[in-house]
């Protein structure tokens, strides 16, 4: 039984949003950054997939997180941590339709510049931020190819955590949000044609800042 219910009026986020995070506190800035990214997405009311880089957790929970993580790494899509010299992956990382839009700091910057909502509604490219049509599979400005990361069978089998406001919707009977896999045009009356005009977010304004404790760059690395 979950304390928070999912309303029937909730709609799936048009784009596929994937959060790569860690539940381990080995590298504290990765851990706290992951918490901030999760809280941001939850407050915004984004429906997203949560991939834990902690293999012990994903294996114990019988999730396909490690498979997706390895695929992204093998394809060279995961960014390395510039503060580490041993090939440590930077965490968190957020992907929208297969495009990495950065970490928790990047989310804040995109939000402040009024770009985040346009990206997740497929009205702007996550790579170059140029305007585009919702059903485009390739950005007309930078030629970035958009794609889905999470296999549909993994979603339907419950092998991945699909999150909405802190709840794993995949674990709740009768609740499963489907994201368009072929980039079908998605009409959204809330979007204005002028990106300079601010439109309403998915929810009322809330704070999503998590205070970070002092940490050392010598913290133990994730496995």
Protein backbone atom coordinates (compact mmCIF):
# COMPACT_ATOMS: atom_id res chain seq x y z
CA UNK A 1 0.00 0.00 0.00
CA UNK A 2 1.37 3.37 -1.01
CA UNK A 3 0.72 6.54 0.95
CA UNK A 4 0.47 8.65 -2.20
CA UNK A 5 -2.01 7.80 -4.90
CA UNK A 6 -1.72 8.50 -8.61
CA UNK A 7 -4.58 10.62 -9.93
CA UNK A 8 -6.45 9.48 -13.02
CA UNK A 9 -5.89 12.89 -14.61
CA UNK A 10 -2.11 12.46 -14.69
CA UNK A 11 -0.65 12.31 -18.20
CA UNK A 12 2.63 10.80 -19.24
CA UNK A 13 5.47 13.18 -20.02
CA UNK A 14 5.60 13.33 -23.86
CA UNK A 15 9.33 12.59 -24.04
CA UNK A 16 11.09 9.61 -22.50
CA UNK A 17 12.95 10.97 -19.47
CA UNK A 18 15.59 8.72 -17.88
CA UNK A 19 17.47 9.54 -14.68
CA UNK A 20 20.79 7.77 -14.16
CA UNK A 21 21.57 8.13 -10.45
CA UNK A 22 23.25 6.39 -7.54
CA UNK A 23 21.91 5.24 -4.19
CA UNK A 24 25.46 4.84 -2.87
CA UNK A 25 27.09 7.64 -0.88
CA UNK A 26 30.66 6.67 -1.83
CA UNK A 27 31.15 9.87 -3.81
CA UNK A 28 29.03 12.33 -1.90
CA UNK A 29 28.62 14.91 -4.64
CA UNK A 30 27.23 12.12 -6.86
CA UNK A 31 24.88 11.00 -4.10
CA UNK A 32 23.57 14.46 -3.20
CA UNK A 33 23.39 15.44 -6.85
CA UNK A 34 21.22 12.37 -7.44
CA UNK A 35 18.90 13.39 -4.62
CA UNK A 36 18.58 16.89 -6.03
CA UNK A 37 17.84 15.60 -9.53
CA UNK A 38 15.18 13.21 -8.22
CA UNK A 39 13.55 15.91 -6.14
CA UNK A 40 13.53 18.31 -9.09
CA UNK A 41 11.80 15.79 -11.36
CA UNK A 42 9.33 14.81 -8.64
CA UNK A 43 8.40 18.41 -7.87
CA UNK A 44 7.99 19.14 -11.58
CA UNK A 45 5.60 16.22 -11.89
CA UNK A 46 7.68 14.50 -14.55
CA UNK A 47 7.04 10.82 -15.28
CA UNK A 48 10.52 9.33 -15.64
CA UNK A 49 12.50 6.10 -15.52
CA UNK A 50 14.99 5.73 -12.67
CA UNK A 51 18.21 3.79 -13.33
CA UNK A 52 20.40 3.07 -10.30
CA UNK A 53 24.12 2.74 -10.98
CA UNK A 54 24.34 0.69 -7.77
CA UNK A 55 24.48 -2.82 -9.22
CA UNK A 56 23.90 -4.51 -5.88
CA UNK A 57 20.53 -2.78 -5.56
CA UNK A 58 19.38 -3.40 -9.12
CA UNK A 59 20.32 -7.08 -8.97
CA UNK A 60 18.66 -7.58 -5.58
CA UNK A 61 15.51 -5.82 -6.81
CA UNK A 62 15.53 -7.86 -10.05
CA UNK A 63 15.69 -4.73 -12.19
CA UNK A 64 17.26 -4.21 -15.60
CA UNK A 65 19.17 -1.11 -14.52
CA UNK A 66 22.65 -2.55 -15.05
CA UNK A 67 21.76 -3.63 -18.60
CA UNK A 68 20.64 -0.12 -19.57
CA UNK A 69 23.60 1.47 -17.78
CA UNK A 70 26.07 -0.81 -19.59
CA UNK A 71 24.42 -0.15 -22.96
CA UNK A 72 24.68 3.61 -22.48
CA UNK A 73 28.31 3.30 -21.42
CA UNK A 74 29.23 1.01 -24.32
CA UNK A 75 27.62 3.45 -26.76
CA UNK A 76 29.69 6.27 -25.30
CA UNK A 77 26.62 8.21 -24.19
CA UNK A 78 27.57 8.48 -20.51
CA UNK A 79 29.79 11.40 -19.58
CA UNK A 80 32.85 10.81 -17.43
CA UNK A 81 33.46 12.73 -14.20
CA UNK A 82 36.06 15.44 -14.98
CA UNK A 83 37.11 15.49 -11.32
CA UNK A 84 38.08 11.81 -11.34
CA UNK A 85 40.99 10.28 -13.25
CA UNK A 86 39.94 6.63 -13.27
CA UNK A 87 37.04 6.70 -15.72
CA UNK A 88 34.33 7.21 -13.11
CA UNK A 89 30.95 7.99 -14.68
CA UNK A 90 29.50 11.37 -13.73
CA UNK A 91 26.29 11.05 -11.73
CA UNK A 92 23.52 11.97 -11.97
CA UNK A 93 22.82 12.22 -15.69
CA UNK A 94 19.44 12.92 -17.27
CA UNK A 95 18.48 11.70 -20.73
CA UNK A 96 15.52 12.99 -22.73
CA UNK A 97 14.67 10.94 -25.82
CA UNK A 98 18.17 9.51 -25.76
CA UNK A 99 19.94 12.87 -25.42
CA UNK A 100 21.92 13.65 -22.27
CA UNK A 101 20.86 17.11 -21.04
CA UNK A 102 23.33 17.12 -18.13
CA UNK A 103 23.23 16.67 -14.37
CA UNK A 104 21.29 18.22 -11.48
CA UNK A 105 22.97 21.60 -12.03
CA UNK A 106 22.00 21.49 -15.70
CA UNK A 107 18.37 20.86 -14.73
CA UNK A 108 18.35 24.00 -12.62
CA UNK A 109 19.92 26.03 -15.43
CA UNK A 110 17.44 24.75 -18.02
CA UNK A 111 14.56 25.51 -15.67
CA UNK A 112 15.75 29.05 -15.03
CA UNK A 113 16.11 29.67 -18.77
CA UNK A 114 12.62 28.25 -19.44
CA UNK A 115 14.04 25.48 -21.63
CA UNK A 116 13.33 22.36 -19.56
CA UNK A 117 9.58 22.16 -20.23
CA UNK A 118 10.14 22.68 -23.94
CA UNK A 119 12.63 19.80 -24.05
CA UNK A 120 10.45 17.27 -22.23
CA UNK A 121 7.46 18.27 -24.37
CA UNK A 122 9.53 17.59 -27.51
CA UNK A 123 9.33 21.20 -28.64
CA UNK A 124 13.07 21.86 -28.28
CA UNK A 125 16.19 19.79 -28.94
CA UNK A 126 17.95 18.66 -25.78
CA UNK A 127 21.33 19.01 -27.48
CA UNK A 128 21.20 22.49 -29.05
CA UNK A 129 17.94 23.89 -27.55
CA UNK A 130 16.63 24.90 -30.98
CA UNK A 131 12.88 24.74 -31.63
CA UNK A 132 11.53 21.65 -33.35
CA UNK A 133 8.33 19.76 -34.07
CA UNK A 134 7.24 17.10 -31.58
CA UNK A 135 7.39 14.23 -34.07
CA UNK A 136 10.87 14.92 -35.43
CA UNK A 137 13.30 12.02 -35.07
CA UNK A 138 16.32 14.16 -36.01
CA UNK A 139 17.02 17.75 -34.97
CA UNK A 140 16.91 19.98 -38.08
CA UNK A 141 19.54 22.28 -36.57
CA UNK A 142 22.26 20.00 -35.13
CA UNK A 143 21.26 16.61 -36.63
CA UNK A 144 20.95 15.04 -33.17
CA UNK A 145 19.09 11.73 -33.44
CA UNK A 146 16.33 11.13 -30.90
CA UNK A 147 15.61 7.63 -29.63
CA UNK A 148 14.18 5.72 -26.71
CA UNK A 149 16.49 4.07 -24.20
CA UNK A 150 14.17 1.81 -22.20
CA UNK A 151 12.89 -1.31 -24.03
CA UNK A 152 9.06 -1.60 -23.86
CA UNK A 153 9.27 -5.19 -22.63
CA UNK A 154 11.27 -4.01 -19.62
CA UNK A 155 8.51 -1.55 -18.75
CA UNK A 156 5.67 -4.04 -19.12
CA UNK A 157 7.49 -6.69 -17.10
CA UNK A 158 8.14 -4.31 -14.20
CA UNK A 159 11.89 -4.57 -14.72
CA UNK A 160 12.41 -0.84 -14.32
CA UNK A 161 11.23 1.82 -11.92
CA UNK A 162 8.86 4.31 -13.53
CA UNK A 163 8.59 7.25 -11.17
CA UNK A 164 5.99 9.95 -10.58
CA UNK A 165 6.30 12.29 -7.60
CA UNK A 166 8.39 9.83 -5.61
CA UNK A 167 6.25 6.76 -6.34
CA UNK A 168 7.20 3.76 -8.44
CA UNK A 169 4.11 3.62 -10.63
CA UNK A 170 5.19 0.33 -12.20
CA UNK A 171 4.66 -1.33 -8.82
CA UNK A 172 1.05 -0.11 -8.54
CA UNK A 173 -1.67 -2.19 -10.12
CA UNK A 174 -3.32 -0.60 -13.12
CA UNK A 175 -0.90 2.34 -13.27
CA UNK A 176 1.53 2.46 -16.17
CA UNK A 177 2.41 5.50 -18.23
CA UNK A 178 3.40 4.85 -21.82
CA UNK A 179 5.77 7.21 -23.61
CA UNK A 180 5.52 7.37 -27.41
CA UNK A 181 8.25 5.14 -28.83
CA UNK A 182 8.02 6.34 -32.42
CA UNK A 183 7.93 10.04 -31.58
CA UNK A 184 4.26 10.42 -32.46
CA UNK A 185 3.21 14.06 -32.51
CA UNK A 186 1.86 15.04 -29.12
CA UNK A 187 -0.48 18.05 -28.93
CA UNK A 188 -0.10 20.14 -25.79
CA UNK A 189 -2.33 23.19 -25.46
CA UNK A 190 -0.26 24.51 -22.56
CA UNK A 191 2.66 25.36 -24.83
CA UNK A 192 2.90 28.80 -26.37
CA UNK A 193 4.60 29.34 -29.70
CA UNK A 194 6.69 32.10 -28.16
CA UNK A 195 9.32 30.57 -25.90
CA UNK A 196 9.97 33.96 -24.33
CA UNK A 197 6.56 33.84 -22.68
CA UNK A 198 6.50 31.82 -19.51
CA UNK A 199 3.76 29.20 -19.23
CA UNK A 200 2.52 27.28 -16.22
CA UNK A 201 4.51 24.33 -14.92
CA UNK A 202 2.96 20.97 -14.16
CA UNK A 203 2.47 21.94 -10.52
CA UNK A 204 2.48 24.82 -8.10
CA UNK A 205 5.83 26.37 -7.31
CA UNK A 206 7.78 24.40 -4.70
CA UNK A 207 11.33 24.38 -3.42
CA UNK A 208 13.57 21.58 -4.62
CA UNK A 209 16.90 22.43 -3.07
CA UNK A 210 18.66 19.87 -0.88
CA UNK A 211 21.41 21.13 1.38
CA UNK A 212 24.64 19.32 0.74
CA UNK A 213 27.00 18.46 3.56
CA UNK A 214 30.67 19.23 3.36
CA UNK A 215 32.53 16.48 1.54
CA UNK A 216 36.03 15.62 0.46
CA UNK A 217 37.22 14.79 -3.04
CA UNK A 218 38.89 11.74 -1.45
CA UNK A 219 35.57 9.98 -0.82
CA UNK A 220 35.44 6.30 -1.72
CA UNK A 221 34.28 5.69 -5.31
CA UNK A 222 31.22 3.70 -6.32
CA UNK A 223 31.76 0.09 -7.26
